[in-house]
């Protein structure tokens, strides 16, 4: 019986040792999986950060291009407005000149009528 108990203890010890080895393997596998997951997340994070930097650069370049285009459009509009204002000033000067001539003609007619009335 002592021999049977010793054999049972050896068998039980072997089972415990195998179970311990299996658990160690499971823990090591979990650690390896966790390390791979962390590495994958870090790689994904680096890729995302790189993508975001690229997109931000693209957006900044597009913003600068739009600003330059708007600036050119505003300059062109300013030039057109200055030309329009210049043309309007010329027209106004012509109108004022016409008004001065008309007033001068009118005053001459009035003076001519007055001098005719005085002679009569």
PDB file of N, CA and C in Angstrom:
ATOM      1  N   UNK A   1       0.806  -1.167   0.000  1.00  0.00           N
ATOM      2  CA  UNK A   1       0.000   0.000   0.000  1.00  0.00           C
ATOM      3  C   UNK A   1       0.873   1.265   0.000  1.00  0.00           C
ATOM      4  N   UNK A   2       1.951   1.227   0.695  1.00  0.00           N
ATOM      5  CA  UNK A   2       2.844   2.357   0.727  1.00  0.00           C
ATOM      6  C   UNK A   2       3.406   2.598  -0.667  1.00  0.00           C
ATOM      7  N   UNK A   3       3.657   1.511  -1.377  1.00  0.00           N
ATOM      8  CA  UNK A   3       4.151   1.660  -2.740  1.00  0.00           C
ATOM      9  C   UNK A   3       3.085   2.252  -3.643  1.00  0.00           C
ATOM     10  N   UNK A   4       1.843   1.855  -3.428  1.00  0.00           N
ATOM     11  CA  UNK A   4       0.738   2.389  -4.229  1.00  0.00           C
ATOM     12  C   UNK A   4       0.557   3.861  -3.926  1.00  0.00           C
ATOM     13  N   UNK A   5       0.698   4.231  -2.646  1.00  0.00           N
ATOM     14  CA  UNK A   5       0.535   5.631  -2.269  1.00  0.00           C
ATOM     15  C   UNK A   5       1.670   6.456  -2.865  1.00  0.00           C
ATOM     16  N   UNK A   6       2.885   5.910  -2.855  1.00  0.00           N
ATOM     17  CA  UNK A   6       4.015   6.627  -3.415  1.00  0.00           C
ATOM     18  C   UNK A   6       3.825   6.808  -4.909  1.00  0.00           C
ATOM     19  N   UNK A   7       3.347   5.776  -5.577  1.00  0.00           N
ATOM     20  CA  UNK A   7       3.098   5.862  -7.014  1.00  0.00           C
ATOM     21  C   UNK A   7       2.015   6.892  -7.299  1.00  0.00           C
ATOM     22  N   UNK A   8       0.983   6.876  -6.443  1.00  0.00           N
ATOM     23  CA  UNK A   8      -0.098   7.851  -6.618  1.00  0.00           C
ATOM     24  C   UNK A   8       0.425   9.274  -6.412  1.00  0.00           C
ATOM     25  N   UNK A   9       1.315   9.415  -5.391  1.00  0.00           N
ATOM     26  CA  UNK A   9       1.878  10.737  -5.131  1.00  0.00           C
ATOM     27  C   UNK A   9       2.741  11.202  -6.312  1.00  0.00           C
ATOM     28  N   UNK A  10       3.543  10.267  -6.877  1.00  0.00           N
ATOM     29  CA  UNK A  10       4.361  10.609  -8.035  1.00  0.00           C
ATOM     30  C   UNK A  10       3.471  10.999  -9.218  1.00  0.00           C
ATOM     31  N   UNK A  11       2.421  10.226  -9.429  1.00  0.00           N
ATOM     32  CA  UNK A  11       1.491  10.522 -10.516  1.00  0.00           C
ATOM     33  C   UNK A  11       0.825  11.869 -10.276  1.00  0.00           C
ATOM     34  N   UNK A  12       0.386  12.116  -9.047  1.00  0.00           N
ATOM     35  CA  UNK A  12      -0.242  13.373  -8.703  1.00  0.00           C
ATOM     36  C   UNK A  12       0.755  14.524  -8.839  1.00  0.00           C
ATOM     37  N   UNK A  13       1.992  14.307  -8.425  1.00  0.00           N
ATOM     38  CA  UNK A  13       3.048  15.315  -8.578  1.00  0.00           C
ATOM     39  C   UNK A  13       3.293  15.610 -10.048  1.00  0.00           C
ATOM     40  N   UNK A  14       3.270  14.583 -10.870  1.00  0.00           N
ATOM     41  CA  UNK A  14       3.446  14.780 -12.308  1.00  0.00           C
ATOM     42  C   UNK A  14       2.302  15.590 -12.905  1.00  0.00           C
ATOM     43  N   UNK A  15       1.088  15.269 -12.436  1.00  0.00           N
ATOM     44  CA  UNK A  15      -0.087  16.017 -12.927  1.00  0.00           C
ATOM     45  C   UNK A  15       0.020  17.480 -12.515  1.00  0.00           C
ATOM     46  N   UNK A  16       0.431  17.720 -11.258  1.00  0.00           N
ATOM     47  CA  UNK A  16       0.570  19.104 -10.767  1.00  0.00           C
ATOM     48  C   UNK A  16       1.662  19.827 -11.543  1.00  0.00           C
ATOM     49  N   UNK A  17       2.775  19.131 -11.783  1.00  0.00           N
ATOM     50  CA  UNK A  17       3.872  19.745 -12.529  1.00  0.00           C
ATOM     51  C   UNK A  17       3.420  20.061 -13.949  1.00  0.00           C
ATOM     52  N   UNK A  18       2.698  19.139 -14.575  1.00  0.00           N
ATOM     53  CA  UNK A  18       2.198  19.382 -15.928  1.00  0.00           C
ATOM     54  C   UNK A  18       1.200  20.538 -15.937  1.00  0.00           C
ATOM     55  N   UNK A  19       0.317  20.555 -14.920  1.00  0.00           N
ATOM     56  CA  UNK A  19      -0.653  21.649 -14.823  1.00  0.00           C
ATOM     57  C   UNK A  19       0.066  22.979 -14.617  1.00  0.00           C
ATOM     58  N   UNK A  20       1.119  23.005 -13.792  1.00  0.00           N
ATOM     59  CA  UNK A  20       1.902  24.208 -13.560  1.00  0.00           C
ATOM     60  C   UNK A  20       2.563  24.659 -14.864  1.00  0.00           C
ATOM     61  N   UNK A  21       3.165  23.696 -15.581  1.00  0.00           N
ATOM     62  CA  UNK A  21       3.797  24.018 -16.863  1.00  0.00           C
ATOM     63  C   UNK A  21       2.764  24.575 -17.855  1.00  0.00           C
ATOM     64  N   UNK A  22       1.576  23.966 -17.866  1.00  0.00           N
ATOM     65  CA  UNK A  22       0.506  24.446 -18.764  1.00  0.00           C
ATOM     66  C   UNK A  22       0.101  25.873 -18.411  1.00  0.00           C
ATOM     67  N   UNK A  23       0.008  26.162 -17.126  1.00  0.00           N
ATOM     68  CA  UNK A  23      -0.378  27.521 -16.703  1.00  0.00           C
ATOM     69  C   UNK A  23       0.713  28.529 -17.053  1.00  0.00           C
ATOM     70  N   UNK A  24       1.967  28.131 -16.861  1.00  0.00           N
ATOM     71  CA  UNK A  24       3.071  29.020 -17.226  1.00  0.00           C
ATOM     72  C   UNK A  24       3.031  29.298 -18.726  1.00  0.00           C
ATOM     73  N   UNK A  25       2.797  28.269 -19.524  1.00  0.00           N
ATOM     74  CA  UNK A  25       2.688  28.442 -20.971  1.00  0.00           C
ATOM     75  C   UNK A  25       1.535  29.387 -21.315  1.00  0.00           C
ATOM     76  N   UNK A  26       0.397  29.223 -20.621  1.00  0.00           N
ATOM     77  CA  UNK A  26      -0.760  30.090 -20.876  1.00  0.00           C
ATOM     78  C   UNK A  26      -0.423  31.542 -20.537  1.00  0.00           C
ATOM     79  N   UNK A  27       0.229  31.763 -19.393  1.00  0.00           N
ATOM     80  CA  UNK A  27       0.599  33.115 -18.981  1.00  0.00           C
ATOM     81  C   UNK A  27       1.584  33.712 -19.989  1.00  0.00           C
ATOM     82  N   UNK A  28       2.563  32.931 -20.414  1.00  0.00           N
ATOM     83  CA  UNK A  28       3.537  33.413 -21.395  1.00  0.00           C
ATOM     84  C   UNK A  28       2.851  33.740 -22.723  1.00  0.00           C
ATOM     85  N   UNK A  29       1.882  32.907 -23.096  1.00  0.00           N
ATOM     86  CA  UNK A  29       1.132  33.163 -24.325  1.00  0.00           C
ATOM     87  C   UNK A  29       0.319  34.452 -24.207  1.00  0.00           C
ATOM     88  N   UNK A  30      -0.299  34.635 -23.032  1.00  0.00           N
ATOM     89  CA  UNK A  30      -1.079  35.865 -22.798  1.00  0.00           C
ATOM     90  C   UNK A  30      -0.158  37.082 -22.836  1.00  0.00           C
ATOM     91  N   UNK A  31       1.023  36.976 -22.207  1.00  0.00           N
ATOM     92  CA  UNK A  31       1.982  38.081 -22.234  1.00  0.00           C
ATOM     93  C   UNK A  31       2.428  38.382 -23.663  1.00  0.00           C
ATOM     94  N   UNK A  32       2.701  37.340 -24.424  1.00  0.00           N
ATOM     95  CA  UNK A  32       3.129  37.537 -25.813  1.00  0.00           C
ATOM     96  C   UNK A  32       2.012  38.189 -26.623  1.00  0.00           C
ATOM     97  N   UNK A  33       0.766  37.716 -26.426  1.00  0.00           N
ATOM     98  CA  UNK A  33      -0.375  38.320 -27.123  1.00  0.00           C
ATOM     99  C   UNK A  33      -0.541  39.779 -26.723  1.00  0.00           C
ATOM    100  N   UNK A  34      -0.398  40.073 -25.422  1.00  0.00           N
ATOM    101  CA  UNK A  34      -0.529  41.443 -24.937  1.00  0.00           C
ATOM    102  C   UNK A  34       0.581  42.318 -25.532  1.00  0.00           C
ATOM    103  N   UNK A  35       1.807  41.792 -25.583  1.00  0.00           N
ATOM    104  CA  UNK A  35       2.919  42.558 -26.147  1.00  0.00           C
ATOM    105  C   UNK A  35       2.673  42.830 -27.634  1.00  0.00           C
ATOM    106  N   UNK A  36       2.170  41.825 -28.360  1.00  0.00           N
ATOM    107  CA  UNK A  36       1.851  42.028 -29.777  1.00  0.00           C
ATOM    108  C   UNK A  36       0.739  43.058 -29.932  1.00  0.00           C
ATOM    109  N   UNK A  37      -0.264  42.984 -29.064  1.00  0.00           N
ATOM    110  CA  UNK A  37      -1.368  43.949 -29.132  1.00  0.00           C
ATOM    111  C   UNK A  37      -0.870  45.366 -28.860  1.00  0.00           C
ATOM    112  N   UNK A  38      -0.017  45.510 -27.848  1.00  0.00           N
ATOM    113  CA  UNK A  38       0.538  46.826 -27.533  1.00  0.00           C
ATOM    114  C   UNK A  38       1.368  47.330 -28.712  1.00  0.00           C
ATOM    115  N   UNK A  39       2.185  46.441 -29.290  1.00  0.00           N
ATOM    116  CA  UNK A  39       2.994  46.842 -30.445  1.00  0.00           C
ATOM    117  C   UNK A  39       2.091  47.231 -31.616  1.00  0.00           C
ATOM    118  N   UNK A  40       1.025  46.475 -31.835  1.00  0.00           N
ATOM    119  CA  UNK A  40       0.081  46.808 -32.907  1.00  0.00           C
ATOM    120  C   UNK A  40      -0.581  48.156 -32.657  1.00  0.00           C
ATOM    121  N   UNK A  41      -0.983  48.405 -31.400  1.00  0.00           N
ATOM    122  CA  UNK A  41      -1.601  49.691 -31.064  1.00  0.00           C
ATOM    123  C   UNK A  41      -0.611  50.834 -31.245  1.00  0.00           C
ATOM    124  N   UNK A  42       0.638  50.609 -30.826  1.00  0.00           N
ATOM    125  CA  UNK A  42       1.649  51.653 -31.005  1.00  0.00           C
ATOM    126  C   UNK A  42       1.866  51.950 -32.478  1.00  0.00           C
ATOM    127  N   UNK A  43       1.932  50.902 -33.303  1.00  0.00           N
ATOM    128  CA  UNK A  43       2.098  51.087 -34.747  1.00  0.00           C
ATOM    129  C   UNK A  43       0.892  51.815 -35.333  1.00  0.00           C
ATOM    130  N   UNK A  44      -0.304  51.421 -34.914  1.00  0.00           N
ATOM    131  CA  UNK A  44      -1.518  52.088 -35.395  1.00  0.00           C
ATOM    132  C   UNK A  44      -1.514  53.555 -34.965  1.00  0.00           C
ATOM    133  N   UNK A  45      -1.074  53.821 -33.743  1.00  0.00           N
ATOM    134  CA  UNK A  45      -1.003  55.193 -33.245  1.00  0.00           C
ATOM    135  C   UNK A  45      -0.012  56.007 -34.063  1.00  0.00           C
ATOM    136  N   UNK A  46       1.169  55.441 -34.336  1.00  0.00           N
ATOM    137  CA  UNK A  46       2.157  56.146 -35.156  1.00  0.00           C
ATOM    138  C   UNK A  46       1.601  56.417 -36.554  1.00  0.00           C
ATOM    139  N   UNK A  47       0.930  55.416 -37.133  1.00  0.00           N
ATOM    140  CA  UNK A  47       0.352  55.594 -38.470  1.00  0.00           C
ATOM    141  C   UNK A  47      -0.721  56.676 -38.464  1.00  0.00           C
ATOM    142  N   UNK A  48      -1.571  56.651 -37.442  1.00  0.00           N
ATOM    143  CA  UNK A  48      -2.629  57.657 -37.334  1.00  0.00           C
ATOM    144  C   UNK A  48      -2.031  59.049 -37.150  1.00  0.00           C
ATOM    145  N   UNK A  49      -1.025  59.150 -36.287  1.00  0.00           N
ATOM    146  CA  UNK A  49      -0.375  60.446 -36.059  1.00  0.00           C
ATOM    147  C   UNK A  49       0.259  60.947 -37.353  1.00  0.00           C
ATOM    148  N   UNK A  50       0.895  60.048 -38.088  1.00  0.00           N
ATOM    149  CA  UNK A  50       1.505  60.433 -39.357  1.00  0.00           C
ATOM    150  C   UNK A  50       0.436  60.879 -40.349  1.00  0.00           C
ATOM    151  N   UNK A  51      -0.664  60.144 -40.401  1.00  0.00           N
ATOM    152  CA  UNK A  51      -1.767  60.504 -41.302  1.00  0.00           C
ATOM    153  C   UNK A  51      -2.348  61.864 -40.926  1.00  0.00           C
ATOM    154  N   UNK A  52      -2.512  62.090 -39.650  1.00  0.00           N
ATOM    155  CA  UNK A  52      -3.066  63.373 -39.192  1.00  0.00           C
ATOM    156  C   UNK A  52      -2.104  64.512 -39.545  1.00  0.00           C
ATOM    157  N   UNK A  53      -0.792  64.299 -39.321  1.00  0.00           N
ATOM    158  CA  UNK A  53       0.186  65.337 -39.684  1.00  0.00           C
ATOM    159  C   UNK A  53       0.126  65.622 -41.182  1.00  0.00           C
ATOM    160  N   UNK A  54       0.010  64.562 -41.981  1.00  0.00           N
ATOM    161  CA  UNK A  54      -0.063  64.737 -43.434  1.00  0.00           C
ATOM    162  C   UNK A  54      -1.318  65.516 -43.813  1.00  0.00           C
ATOM    163  N   UNK A  55      -2.457  65.138 -43.259  1.00  0.00           N
ATOM    164  CA  UNK A  55      -3.720  65.820 -43.558  1.00  0.00           C
ATOM    165  C   UNK A  55      -3.667  67.280 -43.111  1.00  0.00           C
ATOM    166  N   UNK A  56      -3.086  67.528 -41.927  1.00  0.00           N
ATOM    167  CA  UNK A  56      -2.965  68.900 -41.441  1.00  0.00           C
ATOM    168  C   UNK A  56      -2.073  69.708 -42.392  1.00  0.00           C
ATOM    169  N   UNK A  57      -0.988  69.101 -42.866  1.00  0.00           N
ATOM    170  CA  UNK A  57      -0.133  69.775 -43.839  1.00  0.00           C
ATOM    171  C   UNK A  57      -0.886  70.060 -45.122  1.00  0.00           C
ATOM    172  N   UNK A  58      -1.663  69.081 -45.585  1.00  0.00           N
ATOM    173  CA  UNK A  58      -2.461  69.277 -46.806  1.00  0.00           C
ATOM    174  C   UNK A  58      -3.479  70.402 -46.612  1.00  0.00           C
ATOM    175  N   UNK A  59      -4.150  70.381 -45.460  1.00  0.00           N
ATOM    176  CA  UNK A  59      -5.147  71.418 -45.175  1.00  0.00           C
ATOM    177  C   UNK A  59      -4.491  72.794 -45.079  1.00  0.00           C
ATOM    178  N   UNK A  60      -3.319  72.855 -44.453  1.00  0.00           N
ATOM    179  CA  UNK A  60      -2.623  74.138 -44.330  1.00  0.00           C
ATOM    180  C   UNK A  60      -2.203  74.648 -45.707  1.00  0.00           C
ATOM    181  N   UNK A  61      -1.709  73.740 -46.559  1.00  0.00           N
ATOM    182  CA  UNK A  61      -1.320  74.144 -47.920  1.00  0.00           C
ATOM    183  C   UNK A  61      -2.549  74.627 -48.695  1.00  0.00           C
ATOM    184  N   UNK A  62      -3.662  73.923 -48.542  1.00  0.00           N
ATOM    185  CA  UNK A  62      -4.894  74.337 -49.228  1.00  0.00           C
ATOM    186  C   UNK A  62      -5.368  75.688 -48.708  1.00  0.00           C
ATOM    187  N   UNK A  63      -5.248  75.898 -47.401  1.00  0.00           N
ATOM    188  CA  UNK A  63      -5.649  77.185 -46.815  1.00  0.00           C
ATOM    189  C   UNK A  63      -4.777  78.310 -47.363  1.00  0.00           C
ATOM    190  N   UNK A  64      -3.454  78.068 -47.440  1.00  0.00           N
ATOM    191  CA  UNK A  64      -2.561  79.085 -47.972  1.00  0.00           C
ATOM    192  C   UNK A  64      -2.873  79.376 -49.440  1.00  0.00           C
ATOM    193  N   UNK A  65      -3.170  78.332 -50.201  1.00  0.00           N
ATOM    194  CA  UNK A  65      -3.504  78.524 -51.617  1.00  0.00           C
ATOM    195  C   UNK A  65      -4.798  79.323 -51.760  1.00  0.00           C
ATOM    196  N   UNK A  66      -5.805  78.975 -50.956  1.00  0.00           N
ATOM    197  CA  UNK A  66      -7.073  79.717 -51.001  1.00  0.00           C
ATOM    198  C   UNK A  66      -6.857  81.177 -50.619  1.00  0.00           C
ATOM    199  N   UNK A  67      -6.033  81.418 -49.603  1.00  0.00           N
ATOM    200  CA  UNK A  67      -5.767  82.797 -49.178  1.00  0.00           C
ATOM    201  C   UNK A  67      -5.077  83.570 -50.301  1.00  0.00           C
ATOM    202  N   UNK A  68      -4.136  82.920 -50.985  1.00  0.00           N
ATOM    203  CA  UNK A  68      -3.447  83.596 -52.089  1.00  0.00           C
ATOM    204  C   UNK A  68      -4.417  83.900 -53.224  1.00  0.00           C
ATOM    205  N   UNK A  69      -5.303  82.948 -53.532  1.00  0.00           N
ATOM    206  CA  UNK A  69      -6.296  83.174 -54.588  1.00  0.00           C
ATOM    207  C   UNK A  69      -7.251  84.306 -54.207  1.00  0.00           C
ATOM    208  N   UNK A  70      -7.708  84.301 -52.970  1.00  0.00           N
ATOM    209  CA  UNK A  70      -8.606  85.365 -52.516  1.00  0.00           C
ATOM    210  C   UNK A  70      -7.897  86.714 -52.554  1.00  0.00           C
ATOM    211  N   UNK A  71      -6.626  86.723 -52.182  1.00  0.00           N
ATOM    212  CA  UNK A  71      -5.860  87.970 -52.230  1.00  0.00           C
ATOM    213  C   UNK A  71      -5.780  88.483 -53.659  1.00  0.00           C
ATOM    214  N   UNK A  72      -5.471  87.574 -54.612  1.00  0.00           N
ATOM    215  CA  UNK A  72      -5.413  87.988 -56.016  1.00  0.00           C
ATOM    216  C   UNK A  72      -6.771  88.499 -56.480  1.00  0.00           C
ATOM    217  N   UNK A  73      -7.847  87.817 -56.092  1.00  0.00           N
ATOM    218  CA  UNK A  73      -9.188  88.256 -56.482  1.00  0.00           C
ATOM    219  C   UNK A  73      -9.496  89.633 -55.896  1.00  0.00           C
ATOM    220  N   UNK A  74      -9.114  89.847 -54.639  1.00  0.00           N
ATOM    221  CA  UNK A  74      -9.361  91.147 -54.004  1.00  0.00           C
ATOM    222  C   UNK A  74      -8.544  92.249 -54.683  1.00  0.00           C
ATOM    223  N   UNK A  75      -7.314  91.935 -55.044  1.00  0.00           N
ATOM    224  CA  UNK A  75      -6.493  92.931 -55.740  1.00  0.00           C
ATOM    225  C   UNK A  75      -7.121  93.265 -57.084  1.00  0.00           C
ATOM    226  N   UNK A  76      -7.552  92.222 -57.819  1.00  0.00           N
ATOM    227  CA  UNK A  76      -8.208  92.457 -59.114  1.00  0.00           C
ATOM    228  C   UNK A  76      -9.470  93.298 -58.940  1.00  0.00           C
ATOM    229  N   UNK A  77     -10.268  92.974 -57.922  1.00  0.00           N
ATOM    230  CA  UNK A  77     -11.498  93.733 -57.661  1.00  0.00           C
ATOM    231  C   UNK A  77     -11.158  95.172 -57.298  1.00  0.00           C
ATOM    232  N   UNK A  78     -10.107  95.361 -56.502  1.00  0.00           N
ATOM    233  CA  UNK A  78      -9.675  96.714 -56.129  1.00  0.00           C
ATOM    234  C   UNK A  78      -9.286  97.504 -57.380  1.00  0.00           C
ATOM    235  N   UNK A  79      -8.545  96.874 -58.271  1.00  0.00           N
ATOM    236  CA  UNK A  79      -8.137  97.551 -59.508  1.00  0.00           C
ATOM    237  C   UNK A  79      -9.363  97.916 -60.342  1.00  0.00           C
ATOM    238  N   UNK A  80     -10.317  96.960 -60.442  1.00  0.00           N
ATOM    239  CA  UNK A  80     -11.546  97.260 -61.195  1.00  0.00           C
ATOM    240  C   UNK A  80     -12.313  98.410 -60.557  1.00  0.00           C
ATOM    241  N   UNK A  81     -12.405  98.403 -59.241  1.00  0.00           N
ATOM    242  CA  UNK A  81     -13.124  99.482 -58.551  1.00  0.00           C
ATOM    243  C   UNK A  81     -12.416 100.824 -58.735  1.00  0.00           C
ATOM    244  N   UNK A  82     -11.092 100.819 -58.672  1.00  0.00           N
ATOM    245  CA  UNK A  82     -10.369 102.071 -58.896  1.00  0.00           C
ATOM    246  C   UNK A  82     -10.622 102.600 -60.306  1.00  0.00           C
ATOM    247  N   UNK A  83     -10.654 101.701 -61.284  1.00  0.00           N
ATOM    248  CA  UNK A  83     -10.938 102.122 -62.668  1.00  0.00           C
ATOM    249  C   UNK A  83     -12.346 102.686 -62.764  1.00  0.00           C
ATOM    250  N   UNK A  84     -13.307 102.030 -62.107  1.00  0.00           N
ATOM    251  CA  UNK A  84     -14.694 102.504 -62.129  1.00  0.00           C
ATOM    252  C   UNK A  84     -14.799 103.868 -61.468  1.00  0.00           C
ATOM    253  N   UNK A  85     -14.129 104.036 -60.328  1.00  0.00           N
ATOM    254  CA  UNK A  85     -14.154 105.328 -59.628  1.00  0.00           C
ATOM    255  C   UNK A  85     -13.511 106.404 -60.502  1.00  0.00           C
ATOM    256  N   UNK A  86     -12.411 106.067 -61.169  1.00  0.00           N
ATOM    257  CA  UNK A  86     -11.774 107.030 -62.065  1.00  0.00           C
ATOM    258  C   UNK A  86     -12.706 107.440 -63.193  1.00  0.00           C
ATOM    259  N   UNK A  87     -13.392 106.457 -63.752  1.00  0.00           N
ATOM    260  CA  UNK A  87     -14.347 106.758 -64.826  1.00  0.00           C
ATOM    261  C   UNK A  87     -15.483 107.625 -64.301  1.00  0.00           C
ATOM    262  N   UNK A  88     -15.981 107.314 -63.101  1.00  0.00           N
ATOM    263  CA  UNK A  88     -17.067 108.104 -62.520  1.00  0.00           C
ATOM    264  C   UNK A  88     -16.606 109.537 -62.248  1.00  0.00           C
ATOM    265  N   UNK A  89     -15.348 109.703 -61.813  1.00  0.00           N
ATOM    266  CA  UNK A  89     -14.824 111.056 -61.577  1.00  0.00           C
ATOM    267  C   UNK A  89     -14.762 111.847 -62.877  1.00  0.00           C
ATOM    268  N   UNK A  90     -14.320 111.167 -63.949  1.00  0.00           N
ATOM    269  CA  UNK A  90     -14.268 111.845 -65.246  1.00  0.00           C
ATOM    270  C   UNK A  90     -15.667 112.264 -65.688  1.00  0.00           C
ATOM    271  N   UNK A  91     -16.645 111.369 -65.518  1.00  0.00           N
ATOM    272  CA  UNK A  91     -18.023 111.693 -65.892  1.00  0.00           C
ATOM    273  C   UNK A  91     -18.549 112.842 -65.052  1.00  0.00           C
ATOM    274  N   UNK A  92     -18.235 112.817 -63.760  1.00  0.00           N
ATOM    275  CA  UNK A  92     -18.675 113.891 -62.875  1.00  0.00           C
ATOM    276  C   UNK A  92     -18.021 115.212 -63.291  1.00  0.00           C
ATOM    277  N   UNK A  93     -16.730 115.156 -63.598  1.00  0.00           N
ATOM    278  CA  UNK A  93     -16.043 116.378 -64.035  1.00  0.00           C
ATOM    279  C   UNK A  93     -16.680 116.905 -65.319  1.00  0.00           C
ATOM    280  N   UNK A  94     -17.013 116.004 -66.259  1.00  0.00           N
ATOM    281  CA  UNK A  94     -17.689 116.426 -67.493  1.00  0.00           C
ATOM    282  C   UNK A  94     -19.051 117.045 -67.177  1.00  0.00           C
ATOM    283  N   UNK A  95     -19.801 116.389 -66.255  1.00  0.00           N
ATOM    284  CA  UNK A  95     -21.119 116.922 -65.878  1.00  0.00           C
ATOM    285  C   UNK A  95     -20.982 118.295 -65.230  1.00  0.00           C
ATOM    286  N   UNK A  96     -19.999 118.475 -64.345  1.00  0.00           N
ATOM    287  CA  UNK A  96     -19.778 119.768 -63.690  1.00  0.00           C
ATOM    288  C   UNK A  96     -19.392 120.814 -64.726  1.00  0.00           C
ATOM    289  N   UNK A  97     -18.540 120.416 -65.666  1.00  0.00           N
ATOM    290  CA  UNK A  97     -18.143 121.340 -66.722  1.00  0.00           C
ATOM    291  C   UNK A  97     -19.359 121.749 -67.554  1.00  0.00           C
ATOM    292  N   UNK A  98     -20.199 120.755 -67.887  1.00  0.00           N
ATOM    293  CA  UNK A  98     -21.429 121.063 -68.633  1.00  0.00           C
ATOM    294  C   UNK A  98     -22.324 121.995 -67.828  1.00  0.00           C
ATOM    295  N   UNK A  99     -22.433 121.769 -66.533  1.00  0.00           N
ATOM    296  CA  UNK A  99     -23.254 122.637 -65.683  1.00  0.00           C
ATOM    297  C   UNK A  99     -22.688 124.062 -65.638  1.00  0.00           C
ATOM    298  N   UNK A 100     -21.364 124.183 -65.555  1.00  0.00           N
ATOM    299  CA  UNK A 100     -20.746 125.521 -65.555  1.00  0.00           C
ATOM    300  C   UNK A 100     -21.042 126.243 -66.876  1.00  0.00           C
ATOM    301  N   UNK A 101     -20.908 125.504 -67.988  1.00  0.00           N
ATOM    302  CA  UNK A 101     -21.213 126.117 -69.284  1.00  0.00           C
ATOM    303  C   UNK A 101     -22.685 126.528 -69.357  1.00  0.00           C
ATOM    304  N   UNK A 102     -23.562 125.646 -68.895  1.00  0.00           N
ATOM    305  CA  UNK A 102     -24.994 125.959 -68.941  1.00  0.00           C
ATOM    306  C   UNK A 102     -25.298 127.165 -68.060  1.00  0.00           C
ATOM    307  N   UNK A 103     -24.687 127.204 -66.863  1.00  0.00           N
ATOM    308  CA  UNK A 103     -24.920 128.348 -65.969  1.00  0.00           C
ATOM    309  C   UNK A 103     -24.366 129.632 -66.600  1.00  0.00           C
ATOM    310  N   UNK A 104     -23.183 129.530 -67.196  1.00  0.00           N
ATOM    311  CA  UNK A 104     -22.581 130.690 -67.841  1.00  0.00           C
ATOM    312  C   UNK A 104     -23.471 131.176 -68.990  1.00  0.00           C
ATOM    313  N   UNK A 105     -23.961 130.227 -69.798  1.00  0.00           N
ATOM    314  CA  UNK A 105     -24.873 130.594 -70.886  1.00  0.00           C
ATOM    315  C   UNK A 105     -26.133 131.245 -70.329  1.00  0.00           C
ATOM    316  N   UNK A 106     -26.663 130.678 -69.258  1.00  0.00           N
ATOM    317  CA  UNK A 106     -27.874 131.202 -68.646  1.00  0.00           C
ATOM    318  C   UNK A 106     -27.648 132.623 -68.138  1.00  0.00           C
ATOM    319  N   UNK A 107     -26.526 132.829 -67.428  1.00  0.00           N
ATOM    320  CA  UNK A 107     -26.262 134.175 -66.897  1.00  0.00           C
ATOM    321  C   UNK A 107     -26.049 135.175 -68.033  1.00  0.00           C
ATOM    322  N   UNK A 108     -25.418 134.731 -69.120  1.00  0.00           N
ATOM    323  CA  UNK A 108     -25.244 135.627 -70.269  1.00  0.00           C
ATOM    324  C   UNK A 108     -26.594 135.983 -70.878  1.00  0.00           C
ATOM    325  N   UNK A 109     -27.497 135.011 -70.975  1.00  0.00           N
ATOM    326  CA  UNK A 109     -28.833 135.281 -71.515  1.00  0.00           C
ATOM    327  C   UNK A 109     -29.588 136.246 -70.607  1.00  0.00           C
ATOM    328  N   UNK A 110     -29.467 136.020 -69.293  1.00  0.00           N
ATOM    329  CA  UNK A 110     -30.151 136.908 -68.349  1.00  0.00           C
ATOM    330  C   UNK A 110     -29.587 138.319 -68.481  1.00  0.00           C
ATOM    331  N   UNK A 111     -28.290 138.457 -68.554  1.00  0.00           N
ATOM    332  CA  UNK A 111     -27.680 139.788 -68.685  1.00  0.00           C
ATOM    333  C   UNK A 111     -28.064 140.453 -70.013  1.00  0.00           C
ATOM    334  N   UNK A 112     -28.158 139.633 -71.073  1.00  0.00           N
ATOM    335  CA  UNK A 112     -28.560 140.188 -72.374  1.00  0.00           C
ATOM    336  C   UNK A 112     -29.991 140.693 -72.302  1.00  0.00           C
ATOM    337  N   UNK A 113     -30.869 139.978 -71.654  1.00  0.00           N
ATOM    338  CA  UNK A 113     -32.259 140.406 -71.517  1.00  0.00           C
ATOM    339  C   UNK A 113     -32.342 141.680 -70.679  1.00  0.00           C
ATOM    340  N   UNK A 114     -31.556 141.729 -69.618  1.00  0.00           N
ATOM    341  CA  UNK A 114     -31.580 142.927 -68.767  1.00  0.00           C
ATOM    342  C   UNK A 114     -31.081 144.141 -69.549  1.00  0.00           C
ATOM    343  N   UNK A 115     -30.031 143.919 -70.303  1.00  0.00           N
ATOM    344  CA  UNK A 115     -29.510 145.081 -71.052  1.00  0.00           C
ATOM    345  C   UNK A 115     -30.498 145.507 -72.140  1.00  0.00           C
ATOM    346  N   UNK A 116     -31.261 144.572 -72.753  1.00  0.00           N
ATOM    347  CA  UNK A 116     -32.281 144.936 -73.725  1.00  0.00           C
ATOM    348  C   UNK A 116     -33.396 145.723 -73.029  1.00  0.00           C
ATOM    349  N   UNK A 117     -33.764 145.289 -71.836  1.00  0.00           N
ATOM    350  CA  UNK A 117     -34.840 145.985 -71.127  1.00  0.00           C
ATOM    351  C   UNK A 117     -34.377 147.384 -70.730  1.00  0.00           C
ATOM    352  N   UNK A 118     -33.141 147.554 -70.400  1.00  0.00           N
ATOM    353  CA  UNK A 118     -32.648 148.874 -69.987  1.00  0.00           C
ATOM    354  C   UNK A 118     -32.603 149.824 -71.189  1.00  0.00           C
ATOM    355  N   UNK A 119     -32.272 149.289 -72.349  1.00  0.00           N
ATOM    356  CA  UNK A 119     -32.228 150.123 -73.533  1.00  0.00           C
ATOM    357  C   UNK A 119     -33.632 150.542 -73.954  1.00  0.00           C
ATOM    358  N   UNK A 120     -34.555 149.601 -73.707  1.00  0.00           N
ATOM    359  CA  UNK A 120     -35.901 149.906 -74.142  1.00  0.00           C
ATOM    360  C   UNK A 120     -36.495 150.836 -73.158  1.00  0.00           C
TER     361      UNK A 120
END
